mmCIF file of all heavy atoms, coordinates in Angstrom:
data_MODEL
# 
_entry.id   MODEL 
# 
loop_
_atom_site.group_PDB 
_atom_site.id 
_atom_site.type_symbol 
_atom_site.label_atom_id 
_atom_site.label_alt_id 
_atom_site.label_comp_id 
_atom_site.label_asym_id 
_atom_site.label_entity_id 
_atom_site.label_seq_id 
_atom_site.pdbx_PDB_ins_code 
_atom_site.Cartn_x 
_atom_site.Cartn_y 
_atom_site.Cartn_z 
_atom_site.occupancy 
_atom_site.B_iso_or_equiv 
_atom_site.pdbx_formal_charge 
_atom_site.auth_seq_id 
_atom_site.auth_comp_id 
_atom_site.auth_asym_id 
_atom_site.auth_atom_id 
_atom_site.pdbx_PDB_model_num 
ATOM 1   N N   . ARG A 1 1  ? -8.012  11.088  9.860  1.00 0.00 ? 1  ARG A N   1 
ATOM 2   C CA  . ARG A 1 1  ? -8.384  12.358  10.487 1.00 0.00 ? 1  ARG A CA  1 
ATOM 3   C C   . ARG A 1 1  ? -7.162  13.221  10.770 1.00 0.00 ? 1  ARG A C   1 
ATOM 4   O O   . ARG A 1 1  ? -7.222  14.447  10.708 1.00 0.00 ? 1  ARG A O   1 
ATOM 5   C CB  . ARG A 1 1  ? -9.163  12.094  11.780 1.00 0.00 ? 1  ARG A CB  1 
ATOM 6   C CG  . ARG A 1 1  ? -10.585 11.637  11.530 1.00 0.00 ? 1  ARG A CG  1 
ATOM 7   C CD  . ARG A 1 1  ? -11.394 11.659  12.822 1.00 0.00 ? 1  ARG A CD  1 
ATOM 8   N NE  . ARG A 1 1  ? -11.302 10.393  13.533 1.00 0.00 ? 1  ARG A NE  1 
ATOM 9   C CZ  . ARG A 1 1  ? -12.092 9.353   13.272 1.00 0.00 ? 1  ARG A CZ  1 
ATOM 10  N NH1 . ARG A 1 1  ? -12.994 9.424   12.326 1.00 0.00 ? 1  ARG A NH1 1 
ATOM 11  N NH2 . ARG A 1 1  ? -11.958 8.240   13.955 1.00 0.00 ? 1  ARG A NH2 1 
ATOM 12  N N   . VAL A 1 2  ? -6.046  12.586  11.078 1.00 0.00 ? 2  VAL A N   1 
ATOM 13  C CA  . VAL A 1 2  ? -4.808  13.316  11.374 1.00 0.00 ? 2  VAL A CA  1 
ATOM 14  C C   . VAL A 1 2  ? -4.154  13.846  10.095 1.00 0.00 ? 2  VAL A C   1 
ATOM 15  O O   . VAL A 1 2  ? -3.618  14.955  10.072 1.00 0.00 ? 2  VAL A O   1 
ATOM 16  C CB  . VAL A 1 2  ? -3.808  12.406  12.123 1.00 0.00 ? 2  VAL A CB  1 
ATOM 17  C CG1 . VAL A 1 2  ? -2.470  13.084  12.306 1.00 0.00 ? 2  VAL A CG1 1 
ATOM 18  C CG2 . VAL A 1 2  ? -4.384  11.981  13.466 1.00 0.00 ? 2  VAL A CG2 1 
ATOM 19  N N   . THR A 1 3  ? -4.234  13.060  9.013  1.00 0.00 ? 3  THR A N   1 
ATOM 20  C CA  . THR A 1 3  ? -3.484  13.368  7.792  1.00 0.00 ? 3  THR A CA  1 
ATOM 21  C C   . THR A 1 3  ? -4.302  14.037  6.696  1.00 0.00 ? 3  THR A C   1 
ATOM 22  O O   . THR A 1 3  ? -3.735  14.637  5.785  1.00 0.00 ? 3  THR A O   1 
ATOM 23  C CB  . THR A 1 3  ? -2.887  12.078  7.196  1.00 0.00 ? 3  THR A CB  1 
ATOM 24  O OG1 . THR A 1 3  ? -3.958  11.170  6.883  1.00 0.00 ? 3  THR A OG1 1 
ATOM 25  C CG2 . THR A 1 3  ? -1.943  11.405  8.189  1.00 0.00 ? 3  THR A CG2 1 
ATOM 26  N N   . GLY A 1 4  ? -5.643  13.917  6.769  1.00 0.00 ? 4  GLY A N   1 
ATOM 27  C CA  . GLY A 1 4  ? -6.478  14.474  5.709  1.00 0.00 ? 4  GLY A CA  1 
ATOM 28  C C   . GLY A 1 4  ? -6.512  13.632  4.446  1.00 0.00 ? 4  GLY A C   1 
ATOM 29  O O   . GLY A 1 4  ? -6.893  14.113  3.374  1.00 0.00 ? 4  GLY A O   1 
ATOM 30  N N   . ALA A 1 5  ? -6.112  12.367  4.530  1.00 0.00 ? 5  ALA A N   1 
ATOM 31  C CA  . ALA A 1 5  ? -6.088  11.484  3.367  1.00 0.00 ? 5  ALA A CA  1 
ATOM 32  C C   . ALA A 1 5  ? -7.507  11.056  2.976  1.00 0.00 ? 5  ALA A C   1 
ATOM 33  O O   . ALA A 1 5  ? -8.460  11.243  3.724  1.00 0.00 ? 5  ALA A O   1 
ATOM 34  C CB  . ALA A 1 5  ? -5.234  10.258  3.674  1.00 0.00 ? 5  ALA A CB  1 
ATOM 35  N N   . ASP A 1 6  ? -7.631  10.486  1.786  1.00 0.00 ? 6  ASP A N   1 
ATOM 36  C CA  . ASP A 1 6  ? -8.913  10.004  1.273  1.00 0.00 ? 6  ASP A CA  1 
ATOM 37  C C   . ASP A 1 6  ? -9.353  8.786   2.090  1.00 0.00 ? 6  ASP A C   1 
ATOM 38  O O   . ASP A 1 6  ? -8.670  7.759   2.079  1.00 0.00 ? 6  ASP A O   1 
ATOM 39  C CB  . ASP A 1 6  ? -8.741  9.625   -0.205 1.00 0.00 ? 6  ASP A CB  1 
ATOM 40  C CG  . ASP A 1 6  ? -10.049 9.166   -0.860 1.00 0.00 ? 6  ASP A CG  1 
ATOM 41  O OD1 . ASP A 1 6  ? -10.890 8.539   -0.173 1.00 0.00 ? 6  ASP A OD1 1 
ATOM 42  O OD2 . ASP A 1 6  ? -10.222 9.422   -2.062 1.00 0.00 ? 6  ASP A OD2 1 
ATOM 43  N N   . PRO A 1 7  ? -10.490 8.860   2.772  1.00 0.00 ? 7  PRO A N   1 
ATOM 44  C CA  . PRO A 1 7  ? -10.908 7.742   3.638  1.00 0.00 ? 7  PRO A CA  1 
ATOM 45  C C   . PRO A 1 7  ? -11.231 6.472   2.855  1.00 0.00 ? 7  PRO A C   1 
ATOM 46  O O   . PRO A 1 7  ? -10.998 5.365   3.351  1.00 0.00 ? 7  PRO A O   1 
ATOM 47  C CB  . PRO A 1 7  ? -12.135 8.278   4.364  1.00 0.00 ? 7  PRO A CB  1 
ATOM 48  C CG  . PRO A 1 7  ? -12.639 9.394   3.510  1.00 0.00 ? 7  PRO A CG  1 
ATOM 49  C CD  . PRO A 1 7  ? -11.430 9.994   2.862  1.00 0.00 ? 7  PRO A CD  1 
ATOM 50  N N   . ASN A 1 8  ? -11.761 6.608   1.640  1.00 0.00 ? 8  ASN A N   1 
ATOM 51  C CA  . ASN A 1 8  ? -12.089 5.421   0.849  1.00 0.00 ? 8  ASN A CA  1 
ATOM 52  C C   . ASN A 1 8  ? -10.838 4.646   0.477  1.00 0.00 ? 8  ASN A C   1 
ATOM 53  O O   . ASN A 1 8  ? -10.802 3.411   0.564  1.00 0.00 ? 8  ASN A O   1 
ATOM 54  C CB  . ASN A 1 8  ? -12.861 5.815   -0.420 1.00 0.00 ? 8  ASN A CB  1 
ATOM 55  C CG  . ASN A 1 8  ? -14.243 6.353   -0.117 1.00 0.00 ? 8  ASN A CG  1 
ATOM 56  O OD1 . ASN A 1 8  ? -14.971 5.811   0.714  1.00 0.00 ? 8  ASN A OD1 1 
ATOM 57  N ND2 . ASN A 1 8  ? -14.609 7.445   -0.766 1.00 0.00 ? 8  ASN A ND2 1 
ATOM 58  N N   . MET A 1 9  ? -9.796  5.361   0.063  1.00 0.00 ? 9  MET A N   1 
ATOM 59  C CA  . MET A 1 9  ? -8.541  4.704   -0.292 1.00 0.00 ? 9  MET A CA  1 
ATOM 60  C C   . MET A 1 9  ? -7.902  4.053   0.926  1.00 0.00 ? 9  MET A C   1 
ATOM 61  O O   . MET A 1 9  ? -7.475  2.897   0.884  1.00 0.00 ? 9  MET A O   1 
ATOM 62  C CB  . MET A 1 9  ? -7.583  5.702   -0.941 1.00 0.00 ? 9  MET A CB  1 
ATOM 63  C CG  . MET A 1 9  ? -8.031  6.173   -2.315 1.00 0.00 ? 9  MET A CG  1 
ATOM 64  S SD  . MET A 1 9  ? -6.942  7.455   -3.016 1.00 0.00 ? 9  MET A SD  1 
ATOM 65  C CE  . MET A 1 9  ? -5.427  6.535   -3.283 1.00 0.00 ? 9  MET A CE  1 
ATOM 66  N N   . ALA A 1 10 ? -7.846  4.776   2.037  1.00 0.00 ? 10 ALA A N   1 
ATOM 67  C CA  . ALA A 1 10 ? -7.229  4.239   3.256  1.00 0.00 ? 10 ALA A CA  1 
ATOM 68  C C   . ALA A 1 10 ? -7.993  3.013   3.756  1.00 0.00 ? 10 ALA A C   1 
ATOM 69  O O   . ALA A 1 10 ? -7.392  2.047   4.238  1.00 0.00 ? 10 ALA A O   1 
ATOM 70  C CB  . ALA A 1 10 ? -7.182  5.318   4.336  1.00 0.00 ? 10 ALA A CB  1 
ATOM 71  N N   . TYR A 1 11 ? -9.317  3.045   3.626  1.00 0.00 ? 11 TYR A N   1 
ATOM 72  C CA  . TYR A 1 11 ? -10.155 1.924   4.066  1.00 0.00 ? 11 TYR A CA  1 
ATOM 73  C C   . TYR A 1 11 ? -9.866  0.668   3.254  1.00 0.00 ? 11 TYR A C   1 
ATOM 74  O O   . TYR A 1 11 ? -9.666  -0.424  3.811  1.00 0.00 ? 11 TYR A O   1 
ATOM 75  C CB  . TYR A 1 11 ? -11.622 2.331   3.931  1.00 0.00 ? 11 TYR A CB  1 
ATOM 76  C CG  . TYR A 1 11 ? -12.619 1.237   4.238  1.00 0.00 ? 11 TYR A CG  1 
ATOM 77  C CD1 . TYR A 1 11 ? -12.863 0.835   5.545  1.00 0.00 ? 11 TYR A CD1 1 
ATOM 78  C CD2 . TYR A 1 11 ? -13.326 0.620   3.213  1.00 0.00 ? 11 TYR A CD2 1 
ATOM 79  C CE1 . TYR A 1 11 ? -13.789 -0.160  5.829  1.00 0.00 ? 11 TYR A CE1 1 
ATOM 80  C CE2 . TYR A 1 11 ? -14.256 -0.376  3.481  1.00 0.00 ? 11 TYR A CE2 1 
ATOM 81  C CZ  . TYR A 1 11 ? -14.486 -0.764  4.792  1.00 0.00 ? 11 TYR A CZ  1 
ATOM 82  O OH  . TYR A 1 11 ? -15.397 -1.753  5.072  1.00 0.00 ? 11 TYR A OH  1 
ATOM 83  N N   . VAL A 1 12 ? -9.819  0.807   1.939  1.00 0.00 ? 12 VAL A N   1 
ATOM 84  C CA  . VAL A 1 12 ? -9.580  -0.360  1.077  1.00 0.00 ? 12 VAL A CA  1 
ATOM 85  C C   . VAL A 1 12 ? -8.169  -0.905  1.281  1.00 0.00 ? 12 VAL A C   1 
ATOM 86  O O   . VAL A 1 12 ? -7.957  -2.126  1.345  1.00 0.00 ? 12 VAL A O   1 
ATOM 87  C CB  . VAL A 1 12 ? -9.829  0.008   -0.401 1.00 0.00 ? 12 VAL A CB  1 
ATOM 88  C CG1 . VAL A 1 12 ? -9.258  -1.060  -1.329 1.00 0.00 ? 12 VAL A CG1 1 
ATOM 89  C CG2 . VAL A 1 12 ? -11.321 0.173   -0.646 1.00 0.00 ? 12 VAL A CG2 1 
ATOM 90  N N   . ILE A 1 13 ? -7.192  -0.030  1.388  1.00 0.00 ? 13 ILE A N   1 
ATOM 91  C CA  . ILE A 1 13 ? -5.816  -0.477  1.620  1.00 0.00 ? 13 ILE A CA  1 
ATOM 92  C C   . ILE A 1 13 ? -5.749  -1.312  2.898  1.00 0.00 ? 13 ILE A C   1 
ATOM 93  O O   . ILE A 1 13 ? -5.147  -2.391  2.923  1.00 0.00 ? 13 ILE A O   1 
ATOM 94  C CB  . ILE A 1 13 ? -4.865  0.730   1.715  1.00 0.00 ? 13 ILE A CB  1 
ATOM 95  C CG1 . ILE A 1 13 ? -4.753  1.416   0.349  1.00 0.00 ? 13 ILE A CG1 1 
ATOM 96  C CG2 . ILE A 1 13 ? -3.481  0.298   2.207  1.00 0.00 ? 13 ILE A CG2 1 
ATOM 97  C CD1 . ILE A 1 13 ? -4.213  2.833   0.430  1.00 0.00 ? 13 ILE A CD1 1 
ATOM 98  N N   . ALA A 1 14 ? -6.366  -0.822  3.967  1.00 0.00 ? 14 ALA A N   1 
ATOM 99  C CA  . ALA A 1 14 ? -6.362  -1.564  5.237  1.00 0.00 ? 14 ALA A CA  1 
ATOM 100 C C   . ALA A 1 14 ? -7.052  -2.912  5.078  1.00 0.00 ? 14 ALA A C   1 
ATOM 101 O O   . ALA A 1 14 ? -6.588  -3.929  5.595  1.00 0.00 ? 14 ALA A O   1 
ATOM 102 C CB  . ALA A 1 14 ? -7.042  -0.735  6.324  1.00 0.00 ? 14 ALA A CB  1 
ATOM 103 N N   . ALA A 1 15 ? -8.175  -2.923  4.343  1.00 0.00 ? 15 ALA A N   1 
ATOM 104 C CA  . ALA A 1 15 ? -8.950  -4.155  4.184  1.00 0.00 ? 15 ALA A CA  1 
ATOM 105 C C   . ALA A 1 15 ? -8.196  -5.210  3.375  1.00 0.00 ? 15 ALA A C   1 
ATOM 106 O O   . ALA A 1 15 ? -8.344  -6.414  3.619  1.00 0.00 ? 15 ALA A O   1 
ATOM 107 C CB  . ALA A 1 15 ? -10.284 -3.843  3.517  1.00 0.00 ? 15 ALA A CB  1 
ATOM 108 N N   . TYR A 1 16 ? -7.383  -4.787  2.431  1.00 0.00 ? 16 TYR A N   1 
ATOM 109 C CA  . TYR A 1 16 ? -6.660  -5.718  1.551  1.00 0.00 ? 16 TYR A CA  1 
ATOM 110 C C   . TYR A 1 16 ? -5.245  -6.018  2.037  1.00 0.00 ? 16 TYR A C   1 
ATOM 111 O O   . TYR A 1 16 ? -4.594  -6.915  1.496  1.00 0.00 ? 16 TYR A O   1 
ATOM 112 C CB  . TYR A 1 16 ? -6.562  -5.133  0.135  1.00 0.00 ? 16 TYR A CB  1 
ATOM 113 C CG  . TYR A 1 16 ? -7.792  -5.288  -0.722 1.00 0.00 ? 16 TYR A CG  1 
ATOM 114 C CD1 . TYR A 1 16 ? -8.953  -4.574  -0.448 1.00 0.00 ? 16 TYR A CD1 1 
ATOM 115 C CD2 . TYR A 1 16 ? -7.807  -6.127  -1.827 1.00 0.00 ? 16 TYR A CD2 1 
ATOM 116 C CE1 . TYR A 1 16 ? -10.091 -4.690  -1.238 1.00 0.00 ? 16 TYR A CE1 1 
ATOM 117 C CE2 . TYR A 1 16 ? -8.931  -6.254  -2.632 1.00 0.00 ? 16 TYR A CE2 1 
ATOM 118 C CZ  . TYR A 1 16 ? -10.064 -5.533  -2.339 1.00 0.00 ? 16 TYR A CZ  1 
ATOM 119 O OH  . TYR A 1 16 ? -11.189 -5.659  -3.125 1.00 0.00 ? 16 TYR A OH  1 
ATOM 120 N N   . HIS A 1 17 ? -4.750  -5.310  3.043  1.00 0.00 ? 17 HIS A N   1 
ATOM 121 C CA  . HIS A 1 17 ? -3.303  -5.286  3.291  1.00 0.00 ? 17 HIS A CA  1 
ATOM 122 C C   . HIS A 1 17 ? -2.699  -6.660  3.577  1.00 0.00 ? 17 HIS A C   1 
ATOM 123 O O   . HIS A 1 17 ? -1.549  -6.913  3.229  1.00 0.00 ? 17 HIS A O   1 
ATOM 124 C CB  . HIS A 1 17 ? -2.965  -4.297  4.420  1.00 0.00 ? 17 HIS A CB  1 
ATOM 125 C CG  . HIS A 1 17 ? -3.090  -4.851  5.805  1.00 0.00 ? 17 HIS A CG  1 
ATOM 126 N ND1 . HIS A 1 17 ? -4.311  -5.055  6.424  1.00 0.00 ? 17 HIS A ND1 1 
ATOM 127 C CD2 . HIS A 1 17 ? -2.148  -5.266  6.689  1.00 0.00 ? 17 HIS A CD2 1 
ATOM 128 C CE1 . HIS A 1 17 ? -4.109  -5.558  7.623  1.00 0.00 ? 17 HIS A CE1 1 
ATOM 129 N NE2 . HIS A 1 17 ? -2.812  -5.703  7.820  1.00 0.00 ? 17 HIS A NE2 1 
ATOM 130 N N   . ASP A 1 18 ? -3.442  -7.563  4.212  1.00 0.00 ? 18 ASP A N   1 
ATOM 131 C CA  . ASP A 1 18 ? -2.898  -8.886  4.540  1.00 0.00 ? 18 ASP A CA  1 
ATOM 132 C C   . ASP A 1 18 ? -3.528  -10.025 3.739  1.00 0.00 ? 18 ASP A C   1 
ATOM 133 O O   . ASP A 1 18 ? -3.326  -11.195 4.082  1.00 0.00 ? 18 ASP A O   1 
ATOM 134 C CB  . ASP A 1 18 ? -3.056  -9.180  6.039  1.00 0.00 ? 18 ASP A CB  1 
ATOM 135 C CG  . ASP A 1 18 ? -1.834  -8.753  6.861  1.00 0.00 ? 18 ASP A CG  1 
ATOM 136 O OD1 . ASP A 1 18 ? -0.805  -8.404  6.250  1.00 0.00 ? 18 ASP A OD1 1 
ATOM 137 O OD2 . ASP A 1 18 ? -1.917  -8.766  8.093  1.00 0.00 ? 18 ASP A OD2 1 
ATOM 138 N N   . LEU A 1 19 ? -4.248  -9.725  2.668  1.00 0.00 ? 19 LEU A N   1 
ATOM 139 C CA  . LEU A 1 19 ? -4.837  -10.802 1.867  1.00 0.00 ? 19 LEU A CA  1 
ATOM 140 C C   . LEU A 1 19 ? -3.764  -11.697 1.265  1.00 0.00 ? 19 LEU A C   1 
ATOM 141 O O   . LEU A 1 19 ? -4.026  -12.863 0.950  1.00 0.00 ? 19 LEU A O   1 
ATOM 142 C CB  . LEU A 1 19 ? -5.719  -10.233 0.750  1.00 0.00 ? 19 LEU A CB  1 
ATOM 143 C CG  . LEU A 1 19 ? -7.096  -9.693  1.141  1.00 0.00 ? 19 LEU A CG  1 
ATOM 144 C CD1 . LEU A 1 19 ? -7.867  -9.291  -0.104 1.00 0.00 ? 19 LEU A CD1 1 
ATOM 145 C CD2 . LEU A 1 19 ? -7.896  -10.709 1.951  1.00 0.00 ? 19 LEU A CD2 1 
ATOM 146 N N   . GLY A 1 20 ? -2.564  -11.174 1.131  1.00 0.00 ? 20 GLY A N   1 
ATOM 147 C CA  . GLY A 1 20 ? -1.463  -11.976 0.613  1.00 0.00 ? 20 GLY A CA  1 
ATOM 148 C C   . GLY A 1 20 ? -1.061  -13.113 1.524  1.00 0.00 ? 20 GLY A C   1 
ATOM 149 O O   . GLY A 1 20 ? -0.270  -13.980 1.132  1.00 0.00 ? 20 GLY A O   1 
ATOM 150 N N   . MET A 1 21 ? -1.608  -13.142 2.752  1.00 0.00 ? 21 MET A N   1 
ATOM 151 C CA  . MET A 1 21 ? -1.356  -14.273 3.645  1.00 0.00 ? 21 MET A CA  1 
ATOM 152 C C   . MET A 1 21 ? -1.976  -15.558 3.100  1.00 0.00 ? 21 MET A C   1 
ATOM 153 O O   . MET A 1 21 ? -1.720  -16.639 3.624  1.00 0.00 ? 21 MET A O   1 
ATOM 154 C CB  . MET A 1 21 ? -1.909  -13.982 5.050  1.00 0.00 ? 21 MET A CB  1 
ATOM 155 C CG  . MET A 1 21 ? -1.199  -12.851 5.779  1.00 0.00 ? 21 MET A CG  1 
ATOM 156 S SD  . MET A 1 21 ? 0.514   -13.227 6.227  1.00 0.00 ? 21 MET A SD  1 
ATOM 157 C CE  . MET A 1 21 ? 0.262   -14.395 7.560  1.00 0.00 ? 21 MET A CE  1 
ATOM 158 N N   . GLU A 1 22 ? -2.759  -15.449 2.041  1.00 0.00 ? 22 GLU A N   1 
ATOM 159 C CA  . GLU A 1 22 ? -3.256  -16.639 1.355  1.00 0.00 ? 22 GLU A CA  1 
ATOM 160 C C   . GLU A 1 22 ? -2.106  -17.409 0.698  1.00 0.00 ? 22 GLU A C   1 
ATOM 161 O O   . GLU A 1 22 ? -2.254  -18.573 0.342  1.00 0.00 ? 22 GLU A O   1 
ATOM 162 C CB  . GLU A 1 22 ? -4.304  -16.238 0.300  1.00 0.00 ? 22 GLU A CB  1 
ATOM 163 C CG  . GLU A 1 22 ? -5.587  -15.697 0.914  1.00 0.00 ? 22 GLU A CG  1 
ATOM 164 C CD  . GLU A 1 22 ? -6.566  -15.121 -0.106 1.00 0.00 ? 22 GLU A CD  1 
ATOM 165 O OE1 . GLU A 1 22 ? -6.181  -14.919 -1.266 1.00 0.00 ? 22 GLU A OE1 1 
ATOM 166 O OE2 . GLU A 1 22 ? -7.710  -14.858 0.291  1.00 0.00 ? 22 GLU A OE2 1 
ATOM 167 N N   . GLY A 1 23 ? -0.962  -16.745 0.530  1.00 0.00 ? 23 GLY A N   1 
ATOM 168 C CA  . GLY A 1 23 ? 0.245   -17.366 -0.012 1.00 0.00 ? 23 GLY A CA  1 
ATOM 169 C C   . GLY A 1 23 ? 1.365   -17.313 1.009  1.00 0.00 ? 23 GLY A C   1 
ATOM 170 O O   . GLY A 1 23 ? 1.118   -17.138 2.203  1.00 0.00 ? 23 GLY A O   1 
ATOM 171 N N   . PRO A 1 24 ? 2.620   -17.425 0.570  1.00 0.00 ? 24 PRO A N   1 
ATOM 172 C CA  . PRO A 1 24 ? 3.760   -17.407 1.500  1.00 0.00 ? 24 PRO A CA  1 
ATOM 173 C C   . PRO A 1 24 ? 3.853   -16.093 2.274  1.00 0.00 ? 24 PRO A C   1 
ATOM 174 O O   . PRO A 1 24 ? 3.772   -15.011 1.694  1.00 0.00 ? 24 PRO A O   1 
ATOM 175 C CB  . PRO A 1 24 ? 4.969   -17.587 0.574  1.00 0.00 ? 24 PRO A CB  1 
ATOM 176 C CG  . PRO A 1 24 ? 4.416   -18.206 -0.666 1.00 0.00 ? 24 PRO A CG  1 
ATOM 177 C CD  . PRO A 1 24 ? 3.032   -17.663 -0.814 1.00 0.00 ? 24 PRO A CD  1 
ATOM 178 N N   . ARG A 1 25 ? 4.046   -16.212 3.598  1.00 0.00 ? 25 ARG A N   1 
ATOM 179 C CA  . ARG A 1 25 ? 4.104   -15.029 4.460  1.00 0.00 ? 25 ARG A CA  1 
ATOM 180 C C   . ARG A 1 25 ? 5.219   -14.064 4.057  1.00 0.00 ? 25 ARG A C   1 
ATOM 181 O O   . ARG A 1 25 ? 5.056   -12.844 4.104  1.00 0.00 ? 25 ARG A O   1 
ATOM 182 C CB  . ARG A 1 25 ? 4.305   -15.467 5.915  1.00 0.00 ? 25 ARG A CB  1 
ATOM 183 C CG  . ARG A 1 25 ? 4.521   -14.323 6.900  1.00 0.00 ? 25 ARG A CG  1 
ATOM 184 C CD  . ARG A 1 25 ? 4.700   -14.859 8.320  1.00 0.00 ? 25 ARG A CD  1 
ATOM 185 N NE  . ARG A 1 25 ? 5.187   -13.838 9.221  1.00 0.00 ? 25 ARG A NE  1 
ATOM 186 C CZ  . ARG A 1 25 ? 4.440   -12.906 9.790  1.00 0.00 ? 25 ARG A CZ  1 
ATOM 187 N NH1 . ARG A 1 25 ? 3.160   -12.845 9.537  1.00 0.00 ? 25 ARG A NH1 1 
ATOM 188 N NH2 . ARG A 1 25 ? 4.981   -12.017 10.620 1.00 0.00 ? 25 ARG A NH2 1 
ATOM 189 N N   . ALA A 1 26 ? 6.359   -14.589 3.630  1.00 0.00 ? 26 ALA A N   1 
ATOM 190 C CA  . ALA A 1 26 ? 7.523   -13.749 3.342  1.00 0.00 ? 26 ALA A CA  1 
ATOM 191 C C   . ALA A 1 26 ? 7.258   -12.733 2.233  1.00 0.00 ? 26 ALA A C   1 
ATOM 192 O O   . ALA A 1 26 ? 7.894   -11.671 2.202  1.00 0.00 ? 26 ALA A O   1 
ATOM 193 C CB  . ALA A 1 26 ? 8.724   -14.616 2.969  1.00 0.00 ? 26 ALA A CB  1 
ATOM 194 N N   . ILE A 1 27 ? 6.339   -13.042 1.331  1.00 0.00 ? 27 ILE A N   1 
ATOM 195 C CA  . ILE A 1 27 ? 6.033   -12.109 0.232  1.00 0.00 ? 27 ILE A CA  1 
ATOM 196 C C   . ILE A 1 27 ? 4.567   -11.672 0.272  1.00 0.00 ? 27 ILE A C   1 
ATOM 197 O O   . ILE A 1 27 ? 4.014   -11.251 -0.742 1.00 0.00 ? 27 ILE A O   1 
ATOM 198 C CB  . ILE A 1 27 ? 6.365   -12.738 -1.138 1.00 0.00 ? 27 ILE A CB  1 
ATOM 199 C CG1 . ILE A 1 27 ? 5.597   -14.063 -1.343 1.00 0.00 ? 27 ILE A CG1 1 
ATOM 200 C CG2 . ILE A 1 27 ? 7.867   -12.950 -1.298 1.00 0.00 ? 27 ILE A CG2 1 
ATOM 201 C CD1 . ILE A 1 27 ? 5.634   -14.582 -2.776 1.00 0.00 ? 27 ILE A CD1 1 
# 
């Protein structure tokens, strides 16, 4: 709402952002 960015893209990025915790935290 502050930036005017695409909500669908921002939503998916947030939802996927930590899925890499399935592997080593450092990467």
